[in-house]
Amino acid sequence: MEGNSDAEHAKDEPVSPVRMALNPEGDLPNEEPSRWAYYHKPIIIMVIGGLLFGTGTVLAFLYFSKVGNVPYALGPICLSIGLMFLVTGLVWVPVIKQKIRHKGLIQKIFFHGLDFLLD
């Protein structure tokens, strides 16, 4: 019975402004967002880059083999834009990993450190 009253008491406690500033979404600090929430943008960028790169490769092959009537610059343009998107997505992943690690460290310091100071 005592465990339930502690849980109800924790839900009724007002959230400090510092916690709200660190977590504006209103999620509980112990809840970890899904990986898709962090990595969906770079995954989409890498898929688009891979598709553009593949399209540029096919168009360049068709142009140089004289099989189709492909404009001269279309293949290299798709290749370069696709490679740019692909590399941007690949570089973005370690940046997000570092951001997650840093955010977790900051939350740990603030949530546990401020609880200690406020008590």
PDB file of N, CA and C in Angstrom:
ATOM      1  N   MET A   1       0.804  -1.192   0.000  1.00  0.00           N
ATOM      2  CA  MET A   1       0.000   0.000   0.000  1.00  0.00           C
ATOM      3  C   MET A   1       0.849   1.259   0.000  1.00  0.00           C
ATOM      4  N   GLU A   2       1.969   1.214   0.734  1.00  0.00           N
ATOM      5  CA  GLU A   2       2.805   2.404   0.811  1.00  0.00           C
ATOM      6  C   GLU A   2       3.414   2.739  -0.544  1.00  0.00           C
ATOM      7  N   GLY A   3       3.735   1.733  -1.359  1.00  0.00           N
ATOM      8  CA  GLY A   3       4.311   1.964  -2.684  1.00  0.00           C
ATOM      9  C   GLY A   3       3.367   2.734  -3.577  1.00  0.00           C
ATOM     10  N   ASN A   4       2.061   2.427  -3.466  1.00  0.00           N
ATOM     11  CA  ASN A   4       1.077   3.133  -4.276  1.00  0.00           C
ATOM     12  C   ASN A   4       0.964   4.594  -3.870  1.00  0.00           C
ATOM     13  N   SER A   5       1.001   4.868  -2.551  1.00  0.00           N
ATOM     14  CA  SER A   5       0.891   6.262  -2.129  1.00  0.00           C
ATOM     15  C   SER A   5       2.110   7.073  -2.545  1.00  0.00           C
ATOM     16  N   ASP A   6       3.294   6.439  -2.564  1.00  0.00           N
ATOM     17  CA  ASP A   6       4.487   7.140  -3.042  1.00  0.00           C
ATOM     18  C   ASP A   6       4.384   7.454  -4.529  1.00  0.00           C
ATOM     19  N   ALA A   7       3.855   6.503  -5.301  1.00  0.00           N
ATOM     20  CA  ALA A   7       3.711   6.721  -6.739  1.00  0.00           C
ATOM     21  C   ALA A   7       2.695   7.815  -7.019  1.00  0.00           C
ATOM     22  N   GLU A   8       1.576   7.815  -6.257  1.00  0.00           N
ATOM     23  CA  GLU A   8       0.564   8.854  -6.450  1.00  0.00           C
ATOM     24  C   GLU A   8       1.107  10.214  -6.042  1.00  0.00           C
ATOM     25  N   HIS A   9       1.907  10.235  -4.962  1.00  0.00           N
ATOM     26  CA  HIS A   9       2.497  11.489  -4.496  1.00  0.00           C
ATOM     27  C   HIS A   9       3.485  12.045  -5.525  1.00  0.00           C
ATOM     28  N   ALA A  10       4.240  11.154  -6.183  1.00  0.00           N
ATOM     29  CA  ALA A  10       5.208  11.590  -7.193  1.00  0.00           C
ATOM     30  C   ALA A  10       4.496  12.179  -8.404  1.00  0.00           C
ATOM     31  N   LYS A  11       3.325  11.635  -8.755  1.00  0.00           N
ATOM     32  CA  LYS A  11       2.578  12.160  -9.898  1.00  0.00           C
ATOM     33  C   LYS A  11       2.002  13.537  -9.599  1.00  0.00           C
ATOM     34  N   ASP A  12       1.641  13.779  -8.331  1.00  0.00           N
ATOM     35  CA  ASP A  12       1.017  15.040  -7.957  1.00  0.00           C
ATOM     36  C   ASP A  12       2.016  16.167  -7.745  1.00  0.00           C
ATOM     37  N   GLU A  13       3.303  15.849  -7.632  1.00  0.00           N
ATOM     38  CA  GLU A  13       4.318  16.876  -7.401  1.00  0.00           C
ATOM     39  C   GLU A  13       4.437  17.790  -8.609  1.00  0.00           C
ATOM     40  N   PRO A  14       4.550  19.098  -8.375  1.00  0.00           N
ATOM     41  CA  PRO A  14       4.758  20.009  -9.509  1.00  0.00           C
ATOM     42  C   PRO A  14       6.161  19.819 -10.081  1.00  0.00           C
ATOM     43  N   VAL A  15       6.264  20.018 -11.372  1.00  0.00           N
ATOM     44  CA  VAL A  15       7.542  19.863 -12.058  1.00  0.00           C
ATOM     45  C   VAL A  15       8.283  21.188 -11.972  1.00  0.00           C
ATOM     46  N   SER A  16       9.558  21.123 -11.629  1.00  0.00           N
ATOM     47  CA  SER A  16      10.333  22.351 -11.482  1.00  0.00           C
ATOM     48  C   SER A  16      10.571  23.003 -12.851  1.00  0.00           C
ATOM     49  N   PRO A  17      10.754  24.314 -12.881  1.00  0.00           N
ATOM     50  CA  PRO A  17      10.997  25.010 -14.153  1.00  0.00           C
ATOM     51  C   PRO A  17      12.268  24.541 -14.850  1.00  0.00           C
ATOM     52  N   VAL A  18      13.255  24.118 -14.064  1.00  0.00           N
ATOM     53  CA  VAL A  18      14.501  23.634 -14.673  1.00  0.00           C
ATOM     54  C   VAL A  18      14.232  22.359 -15.451  1.00  0.00           C
ATOM     55  N   ARG A  19      13.446  21.454 -14.863  1.00  0.00           N
ATOM     56  CA  ARG A  19      13.117  20.206 -15.563  1.00  0.00           C
ATOM     57  C   ARG A  19      12.289  20.482 -16.807  1.00  0.00           C
ATOM     58  N   MET A  20      11.381  21.438 -16.725  1.00  0.00           N
ATOM     59  CA  MET A  20      10.567  21.763 -17.897  1.00  0.00           C
ATOM     60  C   MET A  20      11.426  22.373 -19.000  1.00  0.00           C
ATOM     61  N   ALA A  21      12.431  23.162 -18.630  1.00  0.00           N
ATOM     62  CA  ALA A  21      13.311  23.766 -19.629  1.00  0.00           C
ATOM     63  C   ALA A  21      14.181  22.716 -20.301  1.00  0.00           C
ATOM     64  N   LEU A  22      14.619  21.717 -19.528  1.00  0.00           N
ATOM     65  CA  LEU A  22      15.452  20.669 -20.112  1.00  0.00           C
ATOM     66  C   LEU A  22      14.640  19.696 -20.949  1.00  0.00           C
ATOM     67  N   ASN A  23      13.372  19.545 -20.647  1.00  0.00           N
ATOM     68  CA  ASN A  23      12.535  18.581 -21.335  1.00  0.00           C
ATOM     69  C   ASN A  23      11.207  19.229 -21.703  1.00  0.00           C
ATOM     70  N   PRO A  24      11.165  20.067 -22.749  1.00  0.00           N
ATOM     71  CA  PRO A  24       9.953  20.817 -23.066  1.00  0.00           C
ATOM     72  C   PRO A  24       8.802  19.949 -23.571  1.00  0.00           C
ATOM     73  N   GLU A  25       9.079  18.713 -24.010  1.00  0.00           N
ATOM     74  CA  GLU A  25       8.017  17.854 -24.521  1.00  0.00           C
ATOM     75  C   GLU A  25       7.107  17.380 -23.400  1.00  0.00           C
ATOM     76  N   GLY A  26       7.576  17.457 -22.157  1.00  0.00           N
ATOM     77  CA  GLY A  26       6.762  17.028 -21.049  1.00  0.00           C
ATOM     78  C   GLY A  26       6.908  15.558 -20.719  1.00  0.00           C
ATOM     79  N   ASP A  27       7.776  14.852 -21.395  1.00  0.00           N
ATOM     80  CA  ASP A  27       8.003  13.444 -21.091  1.00  0.00           C
ATOM     81  C   ASP A  27       8.681  13.333 -19.738  1.00  0.00           C
ATOM     82  N   LEU A  28       8.539  12.179 -19.151  1.00  0.00           N
ATOM     83  CA  LEU A  28       9.235  11.942 -17.903  1.00  0.00           C
ATOM     84  C   LEU A  28      10.726  11.841 -18.170  1.00  0.00           C
ATOM     85  N   PRO A  29      11.561  12.294 -17.246  1.00  0.00           N
ATOM     86  CA  PRO A  29      12.998  12.284 -17.502  1.00  0.00           C
ATOM     87  C   PRO A  29      13.582  10.878 -17.634  1.00  0.00           C
ATOM     88  N   ASN A  30      12.928   9.879 -17.074  1.00  0.00           N
ATOM     89  CA  ASN A  30      13.448   8.519 -17.162  1.00  0.00           C
ATOM     90  C   ASN A  30      13.059   7.829 -18.461  1.00  0.00           C
ATOM     91  N   GLU A  31      12.077   8.368 -19.171  1.00  0.00           N
ATOM     92  CA  GLU A  31      11.649   7.764 -20.426  1.00  0.00           C
ATOM     93  C   GLU A  31      12.649   8.089 -21.526  1.00  0.00           C
ATOM     94  N   GLU A  32      13.065   7.069 -22.242  1.00  0.00           N
ATOM     95  CA  GLU A  32      13.984   7.244 -23.364  1.00  0.00           C
ATOM     96  C   GLU A  32      13.168   7.247 -24.651  1.00  0.00           C
ATOM     97  N   PRO A  33      13.261   8.296 -25.468  1.00  0.00           N
ATOM     98  CA  PRO A  33      12.547   8.291 -26.753  1.00  0.00           C
ATOM     99  C   PRO A  33      13.043   7.142 -27.624  1.00  0.00           C
ATOM    100  N   SER A  34      12.199   6.715 -28.537  1.00  0.00           N
ATOM    101  CA  SER A  34      12.584   5.614 -29.402  1.00  0.00           C
ATOM    102  C   SER A  34      13.737   6.039 -30.312  1.00  0.00           C
ATOM    103  N   ARG A  35      14.462   5.059 -30.805  1.00  0.00           N
ATOM    104  CA  ARG A  35      15.586   5.344 -31.695  1.00  0.00           C
ATOM    105  C   ARG A  35      15.101   6.011 -32.980  1.00  0.00           C
ATOM    106  N   TRP A  36      13.892   5.675 -33.423  1.00  0.00           N
ATOM    107  CA  TRP A  36      13.354   6.262 -34.642  1.00  0.00           C
ATOM    108  C   TRP A  36      13.209   7.779 -34.481  1.00  0.00           C
ATOM    109  N   ALA A  37      12.894   8.234 -33.278  1.00  0.00           N
ATOM    110  CA  ALA A  37      12.746   9.670 -33.032  1.00  0.00           C
ATOM    111  C   ALA A  37      14.056  10.408 -33.282  1.00  0.00           C
ATOM    112  N   TYR A  38      15.171   9.752 -33.015  1.00  0.00           N
ATOM    113  CA  TYR A  38      16.471  10.387 -33.220  1.00  0.00           C
ATOM    114  C   TYR A  38      16.997  10.193 -34.643  1.00  0.00           C
ATOM    115  N   TYR A  39      16.817   9.006 -35.189  1.00  0.00           N
ATOM    116  CA  TYR A  39      17.510   8.642 -36.422  1.00  0.00           C
ATOM    117  C   TYR A  39      16.648   8.679 -37.675  1.00  0.00           C
ATOM    118  N   HIS A  40      15.390   9.112 -37.611  1.00  0.00           N
ATOM    119  CA  HIS A  40      14.556   9.063 -38.807  1.00  0.00           C
ATOM    120  C   HIS A  40      15.022  10.037 -39.892  1.00  0.00           C
ATOM    121  N   LYS A  41      15.490  11.213 -39.507  1.00  0.00           N
ATOM    122  CA  LYS A  41      15.925  12.181 -40.524  1.00  0.00           C
ATOM    123  C   LYS A  41      17.167  11.710 -41.277  1.00  0.00           C
ATOM    124  N   PRO A  42      18.240  11.276 -40.592  1.00  0.00           N
ATOM    125  CA  PRO A  42      19.395  10.815 -41.367  1.00  0.00           C
ATOM    126  C   PRO A  42      19.102   9.564 -42.184  1.00  0.00           C
ATOM    127  N   ILE A  43      18.213   8.687 -41.699  1.00  0.00           N
ATOM    128  CA  ILE A  43      17.876   7.492 -42.476  1.00  0.00           C
ATOM    129  C   ILE A  43      17.171   7.894 -43.763  1.00  0.00           C
ATOM    130  N   ILE A  44      16.222   8.822 -43.659  1.00  0.00           N
ATOM    131  CA  ILE A  44      15.505   9.278 -44.859  1.00  0.00           C
ATOM    132  C   ILE A  44      16.465   9.965 -45.824  1.00  0.00           C
ATOM    133  N   ILE A  45      17.366  10.796 -45.305  1.00  0.00           N
ATOM    134  CA  ILE A  45      18.350  11.482 -46.151  1.00  0.00           C
ATOM    135  C   ILE A  45      19.259  10.468 -46.843  1.00  0.00           C
ATOM    136  N   MET A  46      19.694   9.423 -46.130  1.00  0.00           N
ATOM    137  CA  MET A  46      20.566   8.417 -46.743  1.00  0.00           C
ATOM    138  C   MET A  46      19.828   7.605 -47.808  1.00  0.00           C
ATOM    139  N   VAL A  47      18.550   7.316 -47.580  1.00  0.00           N
ATOM    140  CA  VAL A  47      17.769   6.582 -48.590  1.00  0.00           C
ATOM    141  C   VAL A  47      17.614   7.427 -49.846  1.00  0.00           C
ATOM    142  N   ILE A  48      17.279   8.696 -49.670  1.00  0.00           N
ATOM    143  CA  ILE A  48      17.149   9.593 -50.829  1.00  0.00           C
ATOM    144  C   ILE A  48      18.489   9.706 -51.558  1.00  0.00           C
ATOM    145  N   GLY A  49      19.571   9.857 -50.799  1.00  0.00           N
ATOM    146  CA  GLY A  49      20.897   9.947 -51.413  1.00  0.00           C
ATOM    147  C   GLY A  49      21.273   8.690 -52.163  1.00  0.00           C
ATOM    148  N   GLY A  50      20.963   7.540 -51.582  1.00  0.00           N
ATOM    149  CA  GLY A  50      21.262   6.277 -52.275  1.00  0.00           C
ATOM    150  C   GLY A  50      20.467   6.118 -53.557  1.00  0.00           C
ATOM    151  N   LEU A  51      19.192   6.511 -53.513  1.00  0.00           N
ATOM    152  CA  LEU A  51      18.367   6.435 -54.723  1.00  0.00           C
ATOM    153  C   LEU A  51      18.866   7.391 -55.808  1.00  0.00           C
ATOM    154  N   LEU A  52      19.209   8.609 -55.418  1.00  0.00           N
ATOM    155  CA  LEU A  52      19.743   9.566 -56.400  1.00  0.00           C
ATOM    156  C   LEU A  52      21.082   9.100 -56.961  1.00  0.00           C
ATOM    157  N   PHE A  53      21.933   8.563 -56.098  1.00  0.00           N
ATOM    158  CA  PHE A  53      23.237   8.071 -56.545  1.00  0.00           C
ATOM    159  C   PHE A  53      23.061   6.912 -57.521  1.00  0.00           C
ATOM    160  N   GLY A  54      22.153   5.988 -57.192  1.00  0.00           N
ATOM    161  CA  GLY A  54      21.878   4.869 -58.100  1.00  0.00           C
ATOM    162  C   GLY A  54      21.298   5.327 -59.427  1.00  0.00           C
ATOM    163  N   THR A  55      20.382   6.294 -59.360  1.00  0.00           N
ATOM    164  CA  THR A  55      19.798   6.846 -60.586  1.00  0.00           C
ATOM    165  C   THR A  55      20.868   7.530 -61.430  1.00  0.00           C
ATOM    166  N   GLY A  56      21.737   8.285 -60.782  1.00  0.00           N
ATOM    167  CA  GLY A  56      22.818   8.947 -61.512  1.00  0.00           C
ATOM    168  C   GLY A  56      23.763   7.956 -62.148  1.00  0.00           C
ATOM    169  N   THR A  57      24.040   6.846 -61.461  1.00  0.00           N
ATOM    170  CA  THR A  57      24.906   5.808 -62.032  1.00  0.00           C
ATOM    171  C   THR A  57      24.275   5.195 -63.271  1.00  0.00           C
ATOM    172  N   VAL A  58      22.986   4.896 -63.184  1.00  0.00           N
ATOM    173  CA  VAL A  58      22.288   4.305 -64.341  1.00  0.00           C
ATOM    174  C   VAL A  58      22.237   5.293 -65.493  1.00  0.00           C
ATOM    175  N   LEU A  59      21.927   6.555 -65.213  1.00  0.00           N
ATOM    176  CA  LEU A  59      21.863   7.556 -66.280  1.00  0.00           C
ATOM    177  C   LEU A  59      23.231   7.791 -66.921  1.00  0.00           C
ATOM    178  N   ALA A  60      24.280   7.816 -66.124  1.00  0.00           N
ATOM    179  CA  ALA A  60      25.624   7.985 -66.681  1.00  0.00           C
ATOM    180  C   ALA A  60      25.992   6.785 -67.540  1.00  0.00           C
ATOM    181  N   PHE A  61      25.645   5.579 -67.085  1.00  0.00           N
ATOM    182  CA  PHE A  61      25.919   4.378 -67.890  1.00  0.00           C
ATOM    183  C   PHE A  61      25.162   4.432 -69.214  1.00  0.00           C
ATOM    184  N   LEU A  62      23.893   4.838 -69.164  1.00  0.00           N
ATOM    185  CA  LEU A  62      23.107   4.928 -70.398  1.00  0.00           C
ATOM    186  C   LEU A  62      23.671   5.983 -71.345  1.00  0.00           C
ATOM    187  N   TYR A  63      24.146   7.095 -70.812  1.00  0.00           N
ATOM    188  CA  TYR A  63      24.702   8.139 -71.662  1.00  0.00           C
ATOM    189  C   TYR A  63      26.001   7.667 -72.324  1.00  0.00           C
ATOM    190  N   PHE A  64      26.894   7.097 -71.527  1.00  0.00           N
ATOM    191  CA  PHE A  64      28.198   6.718 -72.074  1.00  0.00           C
ATOM    192  C   PHE A  64      28.129   5.474 -72.962  1.00  0.00           C
ATOM    193  N   SER A  65      27.117   4.649 -72.790  1.00  0.00           N
ATOM    194  CA  SER A  65      26.985   3.484 -73.663  1.00  0.00           C
ATOM    195  C   SER A  65      26.163   3.801 -74.913  1.00  0.00           C
ATOM    196  N   LYS A  66      25.653   5.000 -74.978  1.00  0.00           N
ATOM    197  CA  LYS A  66      24.878   5.488 -76.132  1.00  0.00           C
ATOM    198  C   LYS A  66      23.632   4.637 -76.393  1.00  0.00           C
ATOM    199  N   VAL A  67      23.080   4.064 -75.317  1.00  0.00           N
ATOM    200  CA  VAL A  67      21.884   3.226 -75.462  1.00  0.00           C
ATOM    201  C   VAL A  67      20.632   4.093 -75.520  1.00  0.00           C
ATOM    202  N   GLY A  68      20.531   5.068 -74.660  1.00  0.00           N
ATOM    203  CA  GLY A  68      19.345   5.906 -74.620  1.00  0.00           C
ATOM    204  C   GLY A  68      19.673   7.344 -74.944  1.00  0.00           C
ATOM    205  N   ASN A  69      18.641   8.121 -75.114  1.00  0.00           N
ATOM    206  CA  ASN A  69      18.804   9.543 -75.382  1.00  0.00           C
ATOM    207  C   ASN A  69      18.767  10.278 -74.035  1.00  0.00           C
ATOM    208  N   VAL A  70      19.901  10.274 -73.330  1.00  0.00           N
ATOM    209  CA  VAL A  70      19.993  10.865 -71.991  1.00  0.00           C
ATOM    210  C   VAL A  70      20.772  12.175 -72.107  1.00  0.00           C
ATOM    211  N   PRO A  71      20.250  13.262 -71.513  1.00  0.00           N
ATOM    212  CA  PRO A  71      20.999  14.515 -71.530  1.00  0.00           C
ATOM    213  C   PRO A  71      22.370  14.356 -70.866  1.00  0.00           C
ATOM    214  N   TYR A  72      23.332  15.126 -71.334  1.00  0.00           N
ATOM    215  CA  TYR A  72      24.727  14.979 -70.909  1.00  0.00           C
ATOM    216  C   TYR A  72      24.915  15.168 -69.412  1.00  0.00           C
ATOM    217  N   ALA A  73      24.339  16.209 -68.840  1.00  0.00           N
ATOM    218  CA  ALA A  73      24.634  16.565 -67.451  1.00  0.00           C
ATOM    219  C   ALA A  73      23.736  15.871 -66.431  1.00  0.00           C
ATOM    220  N   LEU A  74      22.710  15.182 -66.848  1.00  0.00           N
ATOM    221  CA  LEU A  74      21.752  14.608 -65.912  1.00  0.00           C
ATOM    222  C   LEU A  74      22.371  13.529 -65.017  1.00  0.00           C
ATOM    223  N   GLY A  75      23.165  12.646 -65.584  1.00  0.00           N
ATOM    224  CA  GLY A  75      23.817  11.592 -64.801  1.00  0.00           C
ATOM    225  C   GLY A  75      24.762  12.141 -63.752  1.00  0.00           C
ATOM    226  N   PRO A  76      25.721  13.004 -64.133  1.00  0.00           N
ATOM    227  CA  PRO A  76      26.624  13.565 -63.124  1.00  0.00           C
ATOM    228  C   PRO A  76      25.926  14.415 -62.066  1.00  0.00           C
ATOM    229  N   ILE A  77      24.861  15.103 -62.443  1.00  0.00           N
ATOM    230  CA  ILE A  77      24.123  15.903 -61.451  1.00  0.00           C
ATOM    231  C   ILE A  77      23.490  14.995 -60.407  1.00  0.00           C
ATOM    232  N   CYS A  78      22.827  13.938 -60.857  1.00  0.00           N
ATOM    233  CA  CYS A  78      22.219  12.997 -59.913  1.00  0.00           C
ATOM    234  C   CYS A  78      23.282  12.302 -59.065  1.00  0.00           C
ATOM    235  N   LEU A  79      24.401  11.952 -59.671  1.00  0.00           N
ATOM    236  CA  LEU A  79      25.492  11.336 -58.912  1.00  0.00           C
ATOM    237  C   LEU A  79      25.990  12.261 -57.805  1.00  0.00           C
ATOM    238  N   SER A  80      26.238  13.514 -58.146  1.00  0.00           N
ATOM    239  CA  SER A  80      26.802  14.433 -57.149  1.00  0.00           C
ATOM    240  C   SER A  80      25.800  14.775 -56.052  1.00  0.00           C
ATOM    241  N   ILE A  81      24.543  15.017 -56.407  1.00  0.00           N
ATOM    242  CA  ILE A  81      23.542  15.334 -55.388  1.00  0.00           C
ATOM    243  C   ILE A  81      23.285  14.108 -54.510  1.00  0.00           C
ATOM    244  N   GLY A  82      23.219  12.934 -55.113  1.00  0.00           N
ATOM    245  CA  GLY A  82      23.021  11.716 -54.338  1.00  0.00           C
ATOM    246  C   GLY A  82      24.171  11.451 -53.386  1.00  0.00           C
ATOM    247  N   LEU A  83      25.388  11.660 -53.851  1.00  0.00           N
ATOM    248  CA  LEU A  83      26.551  11.464 -52.985  1.00  0.00           C
ATOM    249  C   LEU A  83      26.559  12.481 -51.846  1.00  0.00           C
ATOM    250  N   MET A  84      26.154  13.715 -52.146  1.00  0.00           N
ATOM    251  CA  MET A  84      26.086  14.747 -51.109  1.00  0.00           C
ATOM    252  C   MET A  84      25.071  14.363 -50.027  1.00  0.00           C
ATOM    253  N   PHE A  85      23.885  13.906 -50.427  1.00  0.00           N
ATOM    254  CA  PHE A  85      22.874  13.487 -49.461  1.00  0.00           C
ATOM    255  C   PHE A  85      23.354  12.280 -48.669  1.00  0.00           C
ATOM    256  N   LEU A  86      23.967  11.326 -49.328  1.00  0.00           N
ATOM    257  CA  LEU A  86      24.432  10.111 -48.666  1.00  0.00           C
ATOM    258  C   LEU A  86      25.498  10.424 -47.622  1.00  0.00           C
ATOM    259  N   VAL A  87      26.458  11.242 -47.964  1.00  0.00           N
ATOM    260  CA  VAL A  87      27.530  11.596 -47.024  1.00  0.00           C
ATOM    261  C   VAL A  87      26.974  12.438 -45.870  1.00  0.00           C
ATOM    262  N   THR A  88      26.032  13.326 -46.165  1.00  0.00           N
ATOM    263  CA  THR A  88      25.421  14.128 -45.103  1.00  0.00           C
ATOM    264  C   THR A  88      24.715  13.229 -44.094  1.00  0.00           C
ATOM    265  N   GLY A  89      23.966  12.259 -44.565  1.00  0.00           N
ATOM    266  CA  GLY A  89      23.294  11.328 -43.665  1.00  0.00           C
ATOM    267  C   GLY A  89      24.278  10.488 -42.868  1.00  0.00           C
ATOM    268  N   LEU A  90      25.349  10.035 -43.520  1.00  0.00           N
ATOM    269  CA  LEU A  90      26.347   9.220 -42.827  1.00  0.00           C
ATOM    270  C   LEU A  90      27.093  10.015 -41.755  1.00  0.00           C
ATOM    271  N   VAL A  91      27.325  11.294 -41.985  1.00  0.00           N
ATOM    272  CA  VAL A  91      28.008  12.132 -40.997  1.00  0.00           C
ATOM    273  C   VAL A  91      27.050  12.515 -39.869  1.00  0.00           C
ATOM    274  N   TRP A  92      25.777  12.600 -40.178  1.00  0.00           N
ATOM    275  CA  TRP A  92      24.782  13.006 -39.215  1.00  0.00           C
ATOM    276  C   TRP A  92      24.614  11.979 -38.082  1.00  0.00           C
ATOM    277  N   VAL A  93      24.795  10.704 -38.383  1.00  0.00           N
ATOM    278  CA  VAL A  93      24.586   9.645 -37.384  1.00  0.00           C
ATOM    279  C   VAL A  93      25.541   9.787 -36.187  1.00  0.00           C
ATOM    280  N   PRO A  94      26.854   9.938 -36.366  1.00  0.00           N
ATOM    281  CA  PRO A  94      27.710  10.121 -35.188  1.00  0.00           C
ATOM    282  C   PRO A  94      27.422  11.414 -34.421  1.00  0.00           C
ATOM    283  N   VAL A  95      26.980  12.437 -35.129  1.00  0.00           N
ATOM    284  CA  VAL A  95      26.621  13.690 -34.459  1.00  0.00           C
ATOM    285  C   VAL A  95      25.428  13.459 -33.538  1.00  0.00           C
ATOM    286  N   ILE A  96      24.447  12.706 -33.995  1.00  0.00           N
ATOM    287  CA  ILE A  96      23.278  12.406 -33.174  1.00  0.00           C
ATOM    288  C   ILE A  96      23.673  11.532 -31.989  1.00  0.00           C
ATOM    289  N   LYS A  97      24.554  10.547 -32.206  1.00  0.00           N
ATOM    290  CA  LYS A  97      25.012   9.709 -31.097  1.00  0.00           C
ATOM    291  C   LYS A  97      25.680  10.556 -30.019  1.00  0.00           C
ATOM    292  N   GLN A  98      26.505  11.500 -30.424  1.00  0.00           N
ATOM    293  CA  GLN A  98      27.170  12.377 -29.459  1.00  0.00           C
ATOM    294  C   GLN A  98      26.148  13.266 -28.754  1.00  0.00           C
ATOM    295  N   LYS A  99      25.163  13.747 -29.475  1.00  0.00           N
ATOM    296  CA  LYS A  99      24.124  14.582 -28.884  1.00  0.00           C
ATOM    297  C   LYS A  99      23.329  13.802 -27.838  1.00  0.00           C
ATOM    298  N   ILE A 100      22.989  12.546 -28.143  1.00  0.00           N
ATOM    299  CA  ILE A 100      22.247  11.717 -27.192  1.00  0.00           C
ATOM    300  C   ILE A 100      23.078  11.479 -25.940  1.00  0.00           C
ATOM    301  N   ARG A 101      24.345  11.173 -26.130  1.00  0.00           N
ATOM    302  CA  ARG A 101      25.225  10.933 -24.992  1.00  0.00           C
ATOM    303  C   ARG A 101      25.342  12.191 -24.130  1.00  0.00           C
ATOM    304  N   HIS A 102      25.507  13.351 -24.778  1.00  0.00           N
ATOM    305  CA  HIS A 102      25.647  14.615 -24.060  1.00  0.00           C
ATOM    306  C   HIS A 102      24.351  14.974 -23.333  1.00  0.00           C
ATOM    307  N   LYS A 103      23.221  14.777 -24.000  1.00  0.00           N
ATOM    308  CA  LYS A 103      21.925  15.080 -23.388  1.00  0.00           C
ATOM    309  C   LYS A 103      21.687  14.199 -22.166  1.00  0.00           C
ATOM    310  N   GLY A 104      22.034  12.921 -22.258  1.00  0.00           N
ATOM    311  CA  GLY A 104      21.880  12.024 -21.122  1.00  0.00           C
ATOM    312  C   GLY A 104      22.756  12.433 -19.958  1.00  0.00           C
ATOM    313  N   LEU A 105      23.972  12.856 -20.259  1.00  0.00           N
ATOM    314  CA  LEU A 105      24.879  13.291 -19.203  1.00  0.00           C
ATOM    315  C   LEU A 105      24.371  14.559 -18.534  1.00  0.00           C
ATOM    316  N   ILE A 106      23.901  15.515 -19.326  1.00  0.00           N
ATOM    317  CA  ILE A 106      23.377  16.765 -18.782  1.00  0.00           C
ATOM    318  C   ILE A 106      22.136  16.488 -17.931  1.00  0.00           C
ATOM    319  N   GLN A 107      21.235  15.620 -18.431  1.00  0.00           N
ATOM    320  CA  GLN A 107      20.040  15.309 -17.661  1.00  0.00           C
ATOM    321  C   GLN A 107      20.394  14.614 -16.355  1.00  0.00           C
ATOM    322  N   LYS A 108      21.366  13.719 -16.401  1.00  0.00           N
ATOM    323  CA  LYS A 108      21.766  13.022 -15.187  1.00  0.00           C
ATOM    324  C   LYS A 108      22.306  14.008 -14.161  1.00  0.00           C
ATOM    325  N   ILE A 109      23.135  14.940 -14.615  1.00  0.00           N
ATOM    326  CA  ILE A 109      23.707  15.934 -13.699  1.00  0.00           C
ATOM    327  C   ILE A 109      22.613  16.825 -13.128  1.00  0.00           C
ATOM    328  N   PHE A 110      21.738  17.353 -13.998  1.00  0.00           N
ATOM    329  CA  PHE A 110      20.724  18.277 -13.529  1.00  0.00           C
ATOM    330  C   PHE A 110      19.653  17.592 -12.697  1.00  0.00           C
ATOM    331  N   PHE A 111      19.141  16.455 -13.167  1.00  0.00           N
ATOM    332  CA  PHE A 111      18.048  15.823 -12.450  1.00  0.00           C
ATOM    333  C   PHE A 111      18.503  15.260 -11.111  1.00  0.00           C
ATOM    334  N   HIS A 112      19.659  14.647 -11.076  1.00  0.00           N
ATOM    335  CA  HIS A 112      20.116  14.088  -9.821  1.00  0.00           C
ATOM    336  C   HIS A 112      20.807  15.152  -8.967  1.00  0.00           C
ATOM    337  N   GLY A 113      21.554  16.031  -9.588  1.00  0.00           N
ATOM    338  CA  GLY A 113      22.241  17.066  -8.849  1.00  0.00           C
ATOM    339  C   GLY A 113      21.292  18.078  -8.239  1.00  0.00           C
ATOM    340  N   LEU A 114      20.280  18.503  -8.993  1.00  0.00           N
ATOM    341  CA  LEU A 114      19.337  19.475  -8.473  1.00  0.00           C
ATOM    342  C   LEU A 114      18.434  18.876  -7.407  1.00  0.00           C
ATOM    343  N   ASP A 115      18.082  17.597  -7.538  1.00  0.00           N
ATOM    344  CA  ASP A 115      17.310  16.941  -6.487  1.00  0.00           C
ATOM    345  C   ASP A 115      18.101  16.953  -5.191  1.00  0.00           C
ATOM    346  N   PHE A 116      19.386  16.732  -5.289  1.00  0.00           N
ATOM    347  CA  PHE A 116      20.226  16.741  -4.103  1.00  0.00           C
ATOM    348  C   PHE A 116      20.284  18.134  -3.497  1.00  0.00           C
ATOM    349  N   LEU A 117      20.381  19.149  -4.337  1.00  0.00           N
ATOM    350  CA  LEU A 117      20.475  20.519  -3.838  1.00  0.00           C
ATOM    351  C   LEU A 117      19.143  21.031  -3.294  1.00  0.00           C
ATOM    352  N   LEU A 118      18.033  20.596  -3.885  1.00  0.00           N
ATOM    353  CA  LEU A 118      16.715  21.083  -3.464  1.00  0.00           C
ATOM    354  C   LEU A 118      16.247  20.422  -2.176  1.00  0.00           C
ATOM    355  N   ASP A 119      16.738  19.243  -1.848  1.00  0.00           N
ATOM    356  CA  ASP A 119      16.294  18.544  -0.622  1.00  0.00           C
ATOM    357  C   ASP A 119      16.852  19.133   0.601  1.00  0.00           C
TER     358      ASP A 119
END
